[in-house]
Amino acid sequence: VPCKHEEKRITKLGQFEHLDIKKVTKGKISIVEALMLLNNHKLHPKIWTAEKIAVEYSLELTEVNSLLEFFIPFTMKEFPKETRKAIKPT
Protein backbone atom coordinates (compact mmCIF):
# COMPACT_ATOMS: atom_id res chain seq x y z
CA VAL A 1 0.00 0.00 0.00
CA PRO A 2 1.62 3.28 -1.04
CA CYS A 3 1.75 5.85 1.73
CA LYS A 4 0.91 9.50 1.22
CA HIS A 5 4.06 11.64 1.19
CA GLU A 6 3.58 14.96 2.95
CA GLU A 7 5.56 17.91 1.68
CA LYS A 8 7.78 19.32 4.42
CA ARG A 9 9.65 22.59 4.87
CA ILE A 10 12.61 23.49 7.06
CA THR A 11 11.64 25.62 10.06
CA LYS A 12 12.88 29.15 10.64
CA LEU A 13 14.59 28.57 13.96
CA GLY A 14 16.34 31.77 14.91
CA GLN A 15 17.95 31.80 18.34
CA PHE A 16 15.85 28.95 19.76
CA GLU A 17 17.30 26.30 17.45
CA HIS A 18 17.88 23.75 20.20
CA LEU A 19 14.24 24.00 21.45
CA ASP A 20 12.42 23.40 18.20
CA ILE A 21 11.86 20.70 15.62
CA LYS A 22 13.74 20.96 12.35
CA LYS A 23 11.00 20.20 9.76
CA VAL A 24 7.22 20.69 9.67
CA THR A 25 4.51 19.86 7.17
CA LYS A 26 3.72 22.69 4.76
CA GLY A 27 0.72 24.62 5.98
CA LYS A 28 1.72 24.18 9.63
CA ILE A 29 4.11 26.00 11.99
CA SER A 30 5.98 25.03 15.12
CA ILE A 31 5.40 26.68 18.51
CA VAL A 32 8.67 28.62 18.29
CA GLU A 33 7.77 29.87 14.81
CA ALA A 34 4.31 30.90 16.00
CA LEU A 35 5.77 32.91 18.86
CA MET A 36 8.39 34.48 16.58
CA LEU A 37 5.91 35.51 13.89
CA LEU A 38 3.43 36.90 16.43
CA ASN A 39 6.18 38.90 18.11
CA ASN A 40 7.48 40.16 14.75
CA HIS A 41 3.97 41.24 13.77
CA LYS A 42 3.46 43.00 17.08
CA LEU A 43 6.77 44.88 16.86
CA HIS A 44 6.65 45.69 13.11
CA PRO A 45 3.06 45.30 11.81
CA LYS A 46 3.75 47.27 8.61
CA ILE A 47 6.63 44.97 7.68
CA TRP A 48 5.22 41.68 8.96
CA THR A 49 1.77 41.80 7.38
CA ALA A 50 -0.55 38.79 7.24
CA GLU A 51 0.26 38.38 3.55
CA LYS A 52 4.03 38.31 4.15
CA ILE A 53 3.65 35.84 7.02
CA ALA A 54 1.46 33.56 4.88
CA VAL A 55 4.07 33.49 2.10
CA GLU A 56 7.07 33.21 4.44
CA TYR A 57 5.65 30.27 6.42
CA SER A 58 3.60 28.56 3.64
CA LEU A 59 0.27 29.18 5.39
CA GLU A 60 -3.25 30.05 4.23
CA LEU A 61 -4.00 33.78 4.47
CA THR A 62 -7.32 33.19 6.27
CA GLU A 63 -5.55 31.11 8.92
CA VAL A 64 -2.89 33.77 9.42
CA ASN A 65 -5.57 36.45 9.80
CA SER A 66 -7.31 34.33 12.44
CA LEU A 67 -4.03 33.68 14.23
CA LEU A 68 -3.19 37.39 14.36
CA GLU A 69 -6.71 38.31 15.50
CA PHE A 70 -7.32 35.71 18.20
CA PHE A 71 -3.89 34.66 19.51
CA ILE A 72 -2.22 37.59 21.24
CA PRO A 73 0.68 36.60 23.48
CA PHE A 74 2.93 39.02 25.33
CA THR A 75 0.04 41.22 26.40
CA MET A 76 -0.64 42.06 30.00
CA LYS A 77 -3.94 43.59 30.99
CA GLU A 78 -4.57 45.05 34.39
CA PHE A 79 -8.06 45.08 35.82
CA PRO A 80 -9.40 48.44 37.03
CA LYS A 81 -9.40 48.91 40.79
CA GLU A 82 -13.20 48.87 40.92
CA THR A 83 -13.25 45.38 39.39
CA ARG A 84 -10.66 44.04 41.80
CA LYS A 85 -12.86 44.90 44.78
CA ALA A 86 -15.69 42.83 43.29
CA ILE A 87 -13.57 39.67 43.33
CA LYS A 88 -13.86 37.98 46.70
CA PRO A 89 -11.18 35.61 47.97
CA THR A 90 -12.31 32.05 48.63
C-alpha atoms as a PDB file:
ATOM      1  CA  VAL A   1       0.000   0.000   0.000  1.00  0.00           C
ATOM      2  CA  PRO A   2       1.622   3.275  -1.042  1.00  0.00           C
ATOM      3  CA  CYS A   3       1.750   5.852   1.731  1.00  0.00           C
ATOM      4  CA  LYS A   4       0.912   9.498   1.224  1.00  0.00           C
ATOM      5  CA  HIS A   5       4.064  11.642   1.186  1.00  0.00           C
ATOM      6  CA  GLU A   6       3.584  14.958   2.954  1.00  0.00           C
ATOM      7  CA  GLU A   7       5.559  17.908   1.683  1.00  0.00           C
ATOM      8  CA  LYS A   8       7.782  19.324   4.422  1.00  0.00           C
ATOM      9  CA  ARG A   9       9.646  22.585   4.873  1.00  0.00           C
ATOM     10  CA  ILE A  10      12.607  23.485   7.059  1.00  0.00           C
ATOM     11  CA  THR A  11      11.639  25.615  10.060  1.00  0.00           C
ATOM     12  CA  LYS A  12      12.876  29.153  10.644  1.00  0.00           C
ATOM     13  CA  LEU A  13      14.585  28.571  13.960  1.00  0.00           C
ATOM     14  CA  GLY A  14      16.342  31.772  14.911  1.00  0.00           C
ATOM     15  CA  GLN A  15      17.953  31.803  18.338  1.00  0.00           C
ATOM     16  CA  PHE A  16      15.847  28.946  19.757  1.00  0.00           C
ATOM     17  CA  GLU A  17      17.299  26.300  17.454  1.00  0.00           C
ATOM     18  CA  HIS A  18      17.875  23.752  20.203  1.00  0.00           C
ATOM     19  CA  LEU A  19      14.244  23.997  21.448  1.00  0.00           C
ATOM     20  CA  ASP A  20      12.420  23.400  18.198  1.00  0.00           C
ATOM     21  CA  ILE A  21      11.863  20.704  15.624  1.00  0.00           C
ATOM     22  CA  LYS A  22      13.740  20.957  12.349  1.00  0.00           C
ATOM     23  CA  LYS A  23      11.001  20.199   9.759  1.00  0.00           C
ATOM     24  CA  VAL A  24       7.222  20.687   9.666  1.00  0.00           C
ATOM     25  CA  THR A  25       4.513  19.863   7.165  1.00  0.00           C
ATOM     26  CA  LYS A  26       3.722  22.686   4.757  1.00  0.00           C
ATOM     27  CA  GLY A  27       0.717  24.619   5.983  1.00  0.00           C
ATOM     28  CA  LYS A  28       1.723  24.181   9.628  1.00  0.00           C
ATOM     29  CA  ILE A  29       4.105  25.998  11.986  1.00  0.00           C
ATOM     30  CA  SER A  30       5.977  25.034  15.123  1.00  0.00           C
ATOM     31  CA  ILE A  31       5.403  26.679  18.506  1.00  0.00           C
ATOM     32  CA  VAL A  32       8.670  28.617  18.287  1.00  0.00           C
ATOM     33  CA  GLU A  33       7.773  29.875  14.807  1.00  0.00           C
ATOM     34  CA  ALA A  34       4.307  30.900  16.003  1.00  0.00           C
ATOM     35  CA  LEU A  35       5.769  32.908  18.863  1.00  0.00           C
ATOM     36  CA  MET A  36       8.388  34.478  16.584  1.00  0.00           C
ATOM     37  CA  LEU A  37       5.910  35.514  13.891  1.00  0.00           C
ATOM     38  CA  LEU A  38       3.431  36.899  16.434  1.00  0.00           C
ATOM     39  CA  ASN A  39       6.182  38.901  18.109  1.00  0.00           C
ATOM     40  CA  ASN A  40       7.485  40.163  14.748  1.00  0.00           C
ATOM     41  CA  HIS A  41       3.969  41.237  13.766  1.00  0.00           C
ATOM     42  CA  LYS A  42       3.457  42.999  17.084  1.00  0.00           C
ATOM     43  CA  LEU A  43       6.773  44.884  16.856  1.00  0.00           C
ATOM     44  CA  HIS A  44       6.648  45.687  13.113  1.00  0.00           C
ATOM     45  CA  PRO A  45       3.057  45.303  11.809  1.00  0.00           C
ATOM     46  CA  LYS A  46       3.748  47.271   8.613  1.00  0.00           C
ATOM     47  CA  ILE A  47       6.635  44.971   7.675  1.00  0.00           C
ATOM     48  CA  TRP A  48       5.218  41.675   8.964  1.00  0.00           C
ATOM     49  CA  THR A  49       1.773  41.801   7.381  1.00  0.00           C
ATOM     50  CA  ALA A  50      -0.552  38.791   7.242  1.00  0.00           C
ATOM     51  CA  GLU A  51       0.262  38.379   3.545  1.00  0.00           C
ATOM     52  CA  LYS A  52       4.025  38.308   4.149  1.00  0.00           C
ATOM     53  CA  ILE A  53       3.645  35.839   7.024  1.00  0.00           C
ATOM     54  CA  ALA A  54       1.460  33.558   4.875  1.00  0.00           C
ATOM     55  CA  VAL A  55       4.067  33.492   2.103  1.00  0.00           C
ATOM     56  CA  GLU A  56       7.071  33.212   4.440  1.00  0.00           C
ATOM     57  CA  TYR A  57       5.655  30.268   6.422  1.00  0.00           C
ATOM     58  CA  SER A  58       3.604  28.557   3.637  1.00  0.00           C
ATOM     59  CA  LEU A  59       0.272  29.184   5.390  1.00  0.00           C
ATOM     60  CA  GLU A  60      -3.251  30.051   4.226  1.00  0.00           C
ATOM     61  CA  LEU A  61      -3.996  33.779   4.471  1.00  0.00           C
ATOM     62  CA  THR A  62      -7.317  33.191   6.265  1.00  0.00           C
ATOM     63  CA  GLU A  63      -5.546  31.112   8.915  1.00  0.00           C
ATOM     64  CA  VAL A  64      -2.889  33.774   9.420  1.00  0.00           C
ATOM     65  CA  ASN A  65      -5.567  36.455   9.803  1.00  0.00           C
ATOM     66  CA  SER A  66      -7.315  34.333  12.442  1.00  0.00           C
ATOM     67  CA  LEU A  67      -4.032  33.684  14.230  1.00  0.00           C
ATOM     68  CA  LEU A  68      -3.195  37.392  14.362  1.00  0.00           C
ATOM     69  CA  GLU A  69      -6.710  38.310  15.505  1.00  0.00           C
ATOM     70  CA  PHE A  70      -7.317  35.710  18.204  1.00  0.00           C
ATOM     71  CA  PHE A  71      -3.889  34.659  19.511  1.00  0.00           C
ATOM     72  CA  ILE A  72      -2.222  37.594  21.240  1.00  0.00           C
ATOM     73  CA  PRO A  73       0.684  36.599  23.479  1.00  0.00           C
ATOM     74  CA  PHE A  74       2.931  39.025  25.330  1.00  0.00           C
ATOM     75  CA  THR A  75       0.035  41.224  26.398  1.00  0.00           C
ATOM     76  CA  MET A  76      -0.644  42.061  29.995  1.00  0.00           C
ATOM     77  CA  LYS A  77      -3.944  43.590  30.986  1.00  0.00           C
ATOM     78  CA  GLU A  78      -4.574  45.054  34.386  1.00  0.00           C
ATOM     79  CA  PHE A  79      -8.064  45.085  35.817  1.00  0.00           C
ATOM     80  CA  PRO A  80      -9.400  48.436  37.025  1.00  0.00           C
ATOM     81  CA  LYS A  81      -9.397  48.912  40.793  1.00  0.00           C
ATOM     82  CA  GLU A  82     -13.200  48.870  40.918  1.00  0.00           C
ATOM     83  CA  THR A  83     -13.255  45.384  39.394  1.00  0.00           C
ATOM     84  CA  ARG A  84     -10.656  44.044  41.800  1.00  0.00           C
ATOM     85  CA  LYS A  85     -12.856  44.903  44.775  1.00  0.00           C
ATOM     86  CA  ALA A  86     -15.686  42.832  43.290  1.00  0.00           C
ATOM     87  CA  ILE A  87     -13.568  39.667  43.326  1.00  0.00           C
ATOM     88  CA  LYS A  88     -13.861  37.982  46.701  1.00  0.00           C
ATOM     89  CA  PRO A  89     -11.180  35.612  47.975  1.00  0.00           C
ATOM     90  CA  THR A  90     -12.309  32.047  48.626  1.00  0.00           C
END
